[in-house]
Protein backbone atom coordinates (compact mmCIF):
# COMPACT_ATOMS: atom_id res chain seq x y z
CA MET A 1 112.23 68.13 94.14
CA ASP A 2 115.09 70.49 94.79
CA PRO A 3 116.19 69.82 98.40
CA ASP A 4 117.39 73.44 98.71
CA ARG A 5 114.04 75.04 97.91
CA ASP A 6 113.11 75.33 101.58
CA LYS A 7 116.29 77.20 102.45
CA PRO A 8 115.99 80.96 103.08
CA TYR A 9 116.69 83.30 100.20
CA GLU A 10 120.16 84.84 100.32
CA LEU A 11 120.37 88.46 99.22
CA TYR A 12 123.75 89.93 98.33
CA TYR A 13 123.76 93.71 98.42
CA TRP A 14 125.87 96.45 99.99
CA PRO A 15 125.19 96.55 103.73
CA GLU A 16 125.17 100.33 104.29
CA ILE A 17 122.60 101.45 101.70
CA GLN A 18 119.11 100.69 100.48
CA GLY A 19 120.04 101.06 96.81
CA ARG A 20 118.63 98.65 94.26
CA GLY A 21 118.66 95.89 96.81
CA GLU A 22 115.77 97.57 98.62
CA PHE A 23 113.35 96.63 95.85
CA ILE A 24 114.15 92.98 96.59
CA ARG A 25 113.98 93.44 100.35
CA LEU A 26 110.51 94.99 100.10
CA ALA A 27 109.17 92.02 98.14
CA LEU A 28 110.63 89.50 100.59
CA GLU A 29 109.38 91.48 103.59
CA GLU A 30 105.86 91.85 102.17
CA ALA A 31 105.71 88.11 101.47
CA GLY A 32 106.92 87.33 104.98
CA VAL A 33 109.45 84.76 103.78
CA PRO A 34 112.76 84.14 105.55
CA TYR A 35 115.84 85.59 103.91
CA VAL A 36 119.42 86.36 104.83
CA ASP A 37 120.84 89.79 104.01
CA VAL A 38 124.28 88.27 103.66
CA ALA A 39 126.49 91.35 103.62
CA ARG A 40 124.87 92.64 106.80
CA LEU A 41 126.14 89.62 108.70
CA PRO A 42 129.43 89.95 110.60
CA GLU A 43 132.50 89.14 108.56
CA SER A 44 133.17 86.31 111.01
CA GLU A 45 129.94 84.73 109.72
CA GLY A 46 130.78 85.22 106.06
CA GLY A 47 129.14 88.64 105.77
CA GLY A 48 130.28 92.19 105.14
CA SER A 49 131.02 93.80 101.79
CA LYS A 50 133.76 91.23 101.29
CA ALA A 51 131.08 88.60 100.74
CA ILE A 52 129.90 90.49 97.64
CA VAL A 53 133.42 91.13 96.40
CA ARG A 54 134.20 87.42 96.69
CA LEU A 55 131.08 86.60 94.70
CA LEU A 56 131.88 89.10 91.95
CA ARG A 57 135.42 87.78 91.71
CA GLY A 58 134.07 84.30 91.17
CA GLU A 59 135.51 82.79 94.31
CA GLY A 60 132.28 80.86 94.71
CA GLY A 61 132.49 79.53 91.15
CA GLN A 62 129.72 81.75 89.70
CA SER A 63 131.79 84.36 87.79
CA PRO A 64 131.45 85.82 85.20
CA LEU A 65 127.68 85.57 85.64
CA PHE A 66 127.34 88.68 87.78
CA PHE A 67 128.27 92.24 86.91
CA ALA A 68 126.99 93.88 90.11
CA PRO A 69 124.60 93.32 92.99
CA PRO A 70 121.82 92.81 93.87
CA ILE A 71 122.27 89.09 93.53
CA LEU A 72 119.82 86.58 94.97
CA ARG A 73 120.37 82.94 95.74
CA ALA A 74 117.13 80.97 95.60
CA GLY A 75 117.94 77.37 96.38
CA LYS A 76 120.42 76.27 93.72
CA MET A 77 119.54 79.18 91.42
CA TRP A 78 121.51 82.43 91.36
CA ILE A 79 119.89 85.53 89.85
CA ALA A 80 121.20 89.06 89.25
CA GLN A 81 119.55 92.28 88.03
CA THR A 82 116.77 93.79 90.13
CA SER A 83 113.97 93.53 87.58
CA LEU A 84 114.81 89.94 86.69
CA ILE A 85 115.03 88.87 90.32
CA LEU A 86 111.57 90.27 90.96
CA GLU A 87 110.12 88.71 87.82
CA VAL A 88 111.45 85.29 88.84
CA ILE A 89 110.51 85.23 92.51
CA ALA A 90 107.31 87.30 92.55
CA PRO A 91 104.91 84.56 91.34
CA GLY A 92 105.99 82.27 94.16
CA LEU A 93 105.61 85.14 96.65
CA GLY A 94 102.09 86.00 95.47
CA LEU A 95 103.30 89.35 94.17
CA ALA A 96 102.71 88.96 90.43
CA PRO A 97 99.48 88.87 88.42
CA GLN A 98 98.40 85.45 87.19
CA GLU A 99 97.29 86.56 83.74
CA GLU A 100 100.15 86.68 81.22
CA ALA A 101 99.48 90.13 79.77
CA SER A 102 99.35 91.60 83.28
CA ARG A 103 102.59 89.86 84.24
CA VAL A 104 104.27 91.39 81.20
CA LEU A 105 102.90 94.82 82.11
CA CYS A 106 104.14 94.40 85.68
CA GLN A 107 107.67 93.77 84.41
CA GLN A 108 107.33 96.67 81.98
CA VAL A 109 106.51 98.99 84.89
CA GLN A 110 109.46 97.63 86.85
CA LEU A 111 111.85 98.22 83.96
CA THR A 112 110.58 101.79 83.62
CA ILE A 113 111.21 102.25 87.34
CA ALA A 114 114.75 100.96 86.74
CA ASP A 115 115.21 103.62 84.05
CA PHE A 116 113.93 106.26 86.47
CA VAL A 117 116.22 105.11 89.28
CA ALA A 118 119.21 105.36 86.93
CA GLU A 119 118.31 108.99 86.18
CA VAL A 120 117.99 109.74 89.90
CA HIS A 121 121.47 108.34 90.44
CA ASP A 122 122.91 110.34 87.55
CA ALA A 123 121.50 113.55 89.05
CA HIS A 124 124.20 113.48 91.72
CA HIS A 125 126.80 111.52 89.72
CA PRO A 126 126.49 112.83 86.15
CA ILE A 127 130.16 112.40 85.20
CA ALA A 128 131.28 109.12 86.75
CA SER A 129 130.31 106.83 89.60
CA SER A 130 134.00 106.47 90.40
CA LEU A 131 134.21 110.17 91.34
CA TYR A 132 132.97 111.66 94.58
CA TYR A 133 129.93 113.91 94.45
CA GLU A 134 132.17 116.79 95.55
CA ASP A 135 134.22 116.31 92.38
CA GLN A 136 131.21 116.95 90.12
CA LYS A 137 128.97 119.31 92.06
CA ASP A 138 128.64 121.91 89.30
CA GLU A 139 127.74 119.29 86.73
CA ALA A 140 125.36 117.63 89.20
CA ARG A 141 123.51 120.88 89.82
CA ARG A 142 122.99 121.40 86.10
CA ARG A 143 121.94 117.79 85.54
CA THR A 144 119.55 117.85 88.49
CA ALA A 145 117.87 121.04 87.27
CA THR A 146 117.03 119.31 84.00
CA PHE A 147 115.92 116.18 85.82
CA LEU A 148 113.58 118.05 88.19
CA ASN A 149 112.17 120.37 85.56
CA GLU A 150 111.75 117.93 82.70
CA ARG A 151 112.33 114.27 83.43
CA LEU A 152 110.74 113.91 86.88
CA PRO A 153 107.36 115.37 85.85
CA LYS A 154 107.34 113.18 82.73
CA PHE A 155 107.99 110.01 84.72
CA LEU A 156 105.40 110.92 87.35
CA ARG A 157 102.77 111.57 84.68
CA HIS A 158 103.53 108.19 83.17
CA PHE A 159 103.27 106.32 86.46
CA ASP A 160 100.06 108.15 87.32
CA GLY A 161 98.63 107.13 83.96
CA VAL A 162 99.50 103.48 84.57
CA LEU A 163 97.82 103.58 87.97
CA GLY A 164 94.80 105.53 86.79
CA ASP A 165 91.80 105.15 89.08
CA LYS A 166 92.76 101.61 90.12
CA GLU A 167 93.83 100.60 93.60
CA TRP A 168 97.01 98.94 92.37
CA MET A 169 99.39 99.54 89.47
CA VAL A 170 98.71 96.27 87.63
CA GLY A 171 95.72 93.97 88.03
CA SER A 172 93.41 93.80 91.01
CA ALA A 173 95.93 92.99 93.74
CA LEU A 174 99.21 94.30 95.10
CA SER A 175 102.24 93.34 93.03
CA TYR A 176 105.95 94.03 93.15
CA ALA A 177 105.33 97.03 90.90
CA ASP A 178 103.43 98.69 93.76
CA LEU A 179 106.20 97.95 96.25
CA SER A 180 108.77 99.40 93.88
CA MET A 181 106.61 102.47 93.26
CA PHE A 182 106.42 102.97 97.02
CA GLN A 183 110.21 102.91 97.24
CA VAL A 184 110.49 105.49 94.47
CA LEU A 185 108.01 107.79 96.22
CA ALA A 186 109.80 107.40 99.56
CA GLY A 187 113.14 108.13 97.92
CA LEU A 188 111.85 111.24 96.19
CA ALA A 189 110.35 112.56 99.42
CA TYR A 190 113.74 112.18 101.08
CA ALA A 191 116.00 113.45 98.31
CA PHE A 192 113.88 116.20 96.77
CA PRO A 193 111.33 117.51 99.27
CA HIS A 194 110.99 120.76 97.30
CA ALA A 195 110.60 119.10 93.89
CA PRO A 196 107.28 118.72 92.05
CA ARG A 197 105.11 116.41 94.11
CA PRO A 198 103.71 113.15 92.82
CA THR A 199 100.02 113.12 91.97
CA PRO A 200 97.45 112.49 94.72
CA ARG A 201 96.74 109.06 93.25
CA LEU A 202 100.40 108.04 93.47
CA LEU A 203 100.70 109.41 96.99
CA SER A 204 97.63 107.41 98.02
CA LEU A 205 99.21 104.29 96.55
CA GLY A 206 102.34 104.89 98.60
CA GLU A 207 100.26 105.28 101.74
CA ARG A 208 98.40 102.03 101.07
CA VAL A 209 101.67 100.15 100.68
CA ALA A 210 103.20 101.71 103.81
CA LYS A 211 100.18 100.62 105.89
CA ARG A 212 100.36 96.97 104.93
CA PRO A 213 101.21 95.04 108.12
CA ASN A 214 104.44 93.43 106.96
CA ILE A 215 105.71 96.58 105.29
CA ALA A 216 104.78 98.77 108.28
CA ALA A 217 106.64 96.40 110.58
CA TYR A 218 109.66 96.42 108.27
CA LEU A 219 109.75 100.21 108.01
CA ASP A 220 109.71 100.39 111.81
CA SER A 221 112.52 97.86 112.19
CA LYS A 222 116.30 98.05 112.11
CA ARG A 223 116.22 95.95 108.96
CA ARG A 224 115.18 99.07 107.03
CA ILE A 225 118.39 100.97 106.36
CA PRO A 226 117.78 104.74 106.56
CA PHE A 227 118.21 106.86 103.44
CA ASN A 228 121.67 108.43 103.40
CA THR A 229 124.20 110.16 101.14
CA LYS A 230 125.73 106.90 99.96
CA GLY A 231 122.74 105.41 98.17
CA ILE A 232 120.71 106.24 95.08
CA PHE A 233 118.36 108.78 96.66
CA ARG A 234 120.54 111.46 98.28
CA ARG A 235 119.52 114.70 99.93
CA TYR A 236 121.79 117.55 98.99
CA PRO A 237 120.10 120.93 99.63
CA GLU A 238 121.82 122.54 96.65
CA LEU A 239 120.39 119.86 94.35
CA ASP A 240 116.94 119.85 95.92
CA LEU A 241 116.63 123.50 94.98
CA ALA A 242 118.33 123.17 91.59
CA GLN A 243 115.09 123.38 89.62
CA ARG A 244 114.67 126.95 90.88
CA SER A 245 117.99 128.05 89.44
């Protein structure tokens, strides 16, 4: 038996944003398992953004395994990429279907969510992530108009079709796909309050997730980083109204 298996998970993600790391946090919070959000620790305790930079530079001996966070340490195993992290840890957290076809579908939904999140990011950074938003505002407004008018409704129709009349996205119980869908809905409500609304079935799903005891406690805690203009979902009034242009 791996002697490190009982150690808390260690999540490496930027300390000032929800970002892609939030999909991992939600799964760990729902499962009620101990974890350390490493970069949110004081630098004197090995935390801060420098902890991630050291990891990406290979100072811990792991490079060149990781391109970017989130990165999760689970015992002796290190995992990167949001969808893969969730696929690996979810069965042990009770957040993945037991039947193989349903597990595959759960990961398929998660990968589609990853595609969607990338398009949300590119709405405000259509030219380059290395540039400030202010350096690409005109391009961002044009990109966001297309996203809100065409891509967002298409994604929402797809997710609604996957959910259908079921209580949960995949199978008969809550999975990480539902937690991730909740995060998407919360991000859209923050960033684009005037955009086309998700379907009533998706909104009901989001409400069911938000009311789960562990998630409700997390959302009400300081562990939940507020949405802001540094993360993936950003509220810029000129972009929120771009579909009307």
